[in-house]
Amino acid sequence: MKKIYLYKPPGEEAPFLQFLKATEPKMRKKLQYGLRCLACFPEYMTEPHVKHFSIERYNRLYEYRERIRILVRVIFTLDEKGDIILLYPFVKKHDRNTMQALEASVHIIEKIRASPGSIIEYQFEQEEKG
């Protein structure tokens, strides 16, 4: 089973956890389930659940896709062990939202490289209690 990590800026809450708190409970459960599937089942890393970006600048990035009335996306990457690092969650309203998220994710990867301690292991219990 793969591990899932979150980017956590120093002195702040992880953006993914902030995003999760703001989503409806039904979407929250669906995201949790999908992330567990990503971690446990390699075959889940394919469309329609996951899109791999082929443009050179973004070729290390993937997009996890979920939908309940709204389109929720989470940009992530894989580390050298194949573990998942969640970078940037967002609600997709326009195509430009994806491009903005990809650019933000590239910057987050640079921050992680500069400060490897800025990622924390994702504990599913964190959001299930709240």
Protein backbone atom coordinates (compact mmCIF):
# COMPACT_ATOMS: atom_id res chain seq x y z
CA MET A 1 0.00 0.00 0.00
CA LYS A 2 1.26 3.46 -0.91
CA LYS A 3 1.51 6.16 1.70
CA ILE A 4 -0.16 9.51 1.18
CA TYR A 5 1.58 12.72 2.20
CA LEU A 6 0.36 16.30 2.42
CA TYR A 7 2.24 19.51 1.78
CA LYS A 8 2.21 21.59 4.99
CA PRO A 9 3.61 25.13 4.91
CA PRO A 10 5.53 26.07 8.09
CA GLY A 11 3.20 27.32 10.82
CA GLU A 12 0.06 26.63 8.79
CA GLU A 13 -2.45 23.84 8.32
CA ALA A 14 -2.04 21.64 5.25
CA PRO A 15 -4.03 23.16 2.33
CA PHE A 16 -5.66 19.79 1.63
CA LEU A 17 -7.00 19.57 5.20
CA GLN A 18 -8.31 23.16 4.96
CA PHE A 19 -10.04 22.26 1.69
CA LEU A 20 -11.49 19.07 3.17
CA LYS A 21 -13.01 20.94 6.12
CA ALA A 22 -14.78 23.29 3.69
CA THR A 23 -16.37 20.51 1.60
CA GLU A 24 -19.75 18.91 2.17
CA PRO A 25 -19.70 15.72 4.29
CA LYS A 26 -20.78 13.56 1.34
CA MET A 27 -17.94 14.89 -0.84
CA ARG A 28 -15.51 14.54 2.06
CA LYS A 29 -16.36 10.83 2.39
CA LYS A 30 -16.09 10.34 -1.35
CA LEU A 31 -12.64 11.99 -1.40
CA GLN A 32 -11.49 9.86 1.54
CA TYR A 33 -12.67 6.70 -0.18
CA GLY A 34 -11.01 7.67 -3.46
CA LEU A 35 -7.71 8.44 -1.76
CA ARG A 36 -7.78 5.09 0.02
CA CYS A 37 -8.35 3.44 -3.37
CA LEU A 38 -5.40 5.39 -4.84
CA ALA A 39 -3.19 4.15 -2.01
CA CYS A 40 -4.36 0.52 -2.12
CA PHE A 41 -5.16 -0.32 -5.73
CA PRO A 42 -2.65 0.44 -8.53
CA GLU A 43 -5.40 0.01 -11.14
CA TYR A 44 -7.19 3.05 -9.64
CA MET A 45 -4.41 5.28 -11.03
CA THR A 46 -6.14 5.40 -14.43
CA GLU A 47 -8.86 7.48 -16.03
CA PRO A 48 -11.58 8.36 -15.18
CA HIS A 49 -10.25 8.61 -11.59
CA VAL A 50 -6.78 9.97 -12.37
CA LYS A 51 -5.36 12.00 -15.22
CA HIS A 52 -1.62 12.10 -15.87
CA PHE A 53 -0.41 15.34 -17.48
CA SER A 54 1.81 14.81 -20.51
CA ILE A 55 3.05 18.38 -21.08
CA GLU A 56 6.75 18.39 -20.18
CA ARG A 57 6.49 21.09 -17.50
CA TYR A 58 3.76 19.12 -15.70
CA ASN A 59 4.67 15.51 -16.52
CA ARG A 60 5.32 14.64 -12.85
CA LEU A 61 1.81 15.77 -11.93
CA TYR A 62 -1.47 13.88 -11.74
CA GLU A 63 -5.03 15.00 -11.17
CA TYR A 64 -7.38 12.99 -8.95
CA ARG A 65 -10.97 13.61 -10.05
CA GLU A 66 -14.16 13.42 -8.04
CA ARG A 67 -17.69 14.66 -8.64
CA ILE A 68 -20.93 15.17 -6.73
CA ARG A 69 -22.74 18.11 -8.35
CA ILE A 70 -19.39 19.92 -8.41
CA LEU A 71 -16.07 18.91 -9.93
CA VAL A 72 -13.38 18.49 -7.28
CA ARG A 73 -9.77 17.94 -8.30
CA VAL A 74 -6.60 17.28 -6.34
CA ILE A 75 -3.23 17.74 -8.03
CA PHE A 76 -0.64 15.28 -6.74
CA THR A 77 2.75 13.83 -7.54
CA LEU A 78 4.60 10.62 -6.73
CA ASP A 79 7.85 10.51 -4.79
CA GLU A 80 10.79 8.23 -5.63
CA LYS A 81 9.13 5.34 -3.71
CA GLY A 82 5.85 5.77 -5.56
CA ASP A 83 4.08 7.30 -2.56
CA ILE A 84 1.51 10.02 -3.19
CA ILE A 85 2.05 13.68 -2.25
CA LEU A 86 -1.16 15.74 -2.37
CA LEU A 87 -0.29 19.23 -3.55
CA TYR A 88 -3.26 21.37 -4.51
CA PRO A 89 -7.01 20.70 -4.11
CA PHE A 90 -9.58 22.82 -5.95
CA VAL A 91 -13.10 23.03 -7.32
CA LYS A 92 -12.99 23.09 -11.09
CA LYS A 93 -15.28 25.73 -12.56
CA HIS A 94 -13.26 26.64 -15.67
CA ASP A 95 -10.39 25.13 -17.65
CA ARG A 96 -8.14 27.90 -16.39
CA ASN A 97 -8.61 26.56 -12.83
CA THR A 98 -6.58 23.50 -13.81
CA MET A 99 -3.75 25.58 -15.26
CA GLN A 100 -3.63 27.75 -12.14
CA ALA A 101 -3.56 24.62 -9.96
CA LEU A 102 -0.76 23.11 -12.05
CA GLU A 103 1.35 26.26 -11.71
CA ALA A 104 0.71 26.39 -7.97
CA SER A 105 1.66 22.71 -7.72
CA VAL A 106 4.97 23.29 -9.52
CA HIS A 107 5.78 26.00 -6.95
CA ILE A 108 4.80 23.70 -4.09
CA ILE A 109 7.14 20.99 -5.42
CA GLU A 110 9.96 23.57 -5.41
CA LYS A 111 9.15 24.42 -1.78
CA ILE A 112 9.15 20.72 -0.85
CA ARG A 113 12.56 20.25 -2.48
CA ALA A 114 13.92 23.23 -0.54
CA SER A 115 12.39 21.98 2.72
CA PRO A 116 11.75 18.20 2.72
CA GLY A 117 10.24 18.47 6.20
CA SER A 118 7.27 20.34 4.75
CA ILE A 119 5.37 17.12 4.00
CA ILE A 120 3.46 15.13 6.60
CA GLU A 121 1.90 11.70 6.36
CA TYR A 122 -1.84 11.83 5.78
CA GLN A 123 -3.85 10.28 8.59
CA PHE A 124 -7.41 9.54 7.45
CA GLU A 125 -8.60 9.78 11.06
CA GLN A 126 -7.74 13.51 11.11
CA GLU A 127 -10.75 14.48 9.04
CA GLU A 128 -13.05 11.61 10.02
CA LYS A 129 -13.23 12.94 13.60
CA GLY A 130 -13.94 16.52 12.52
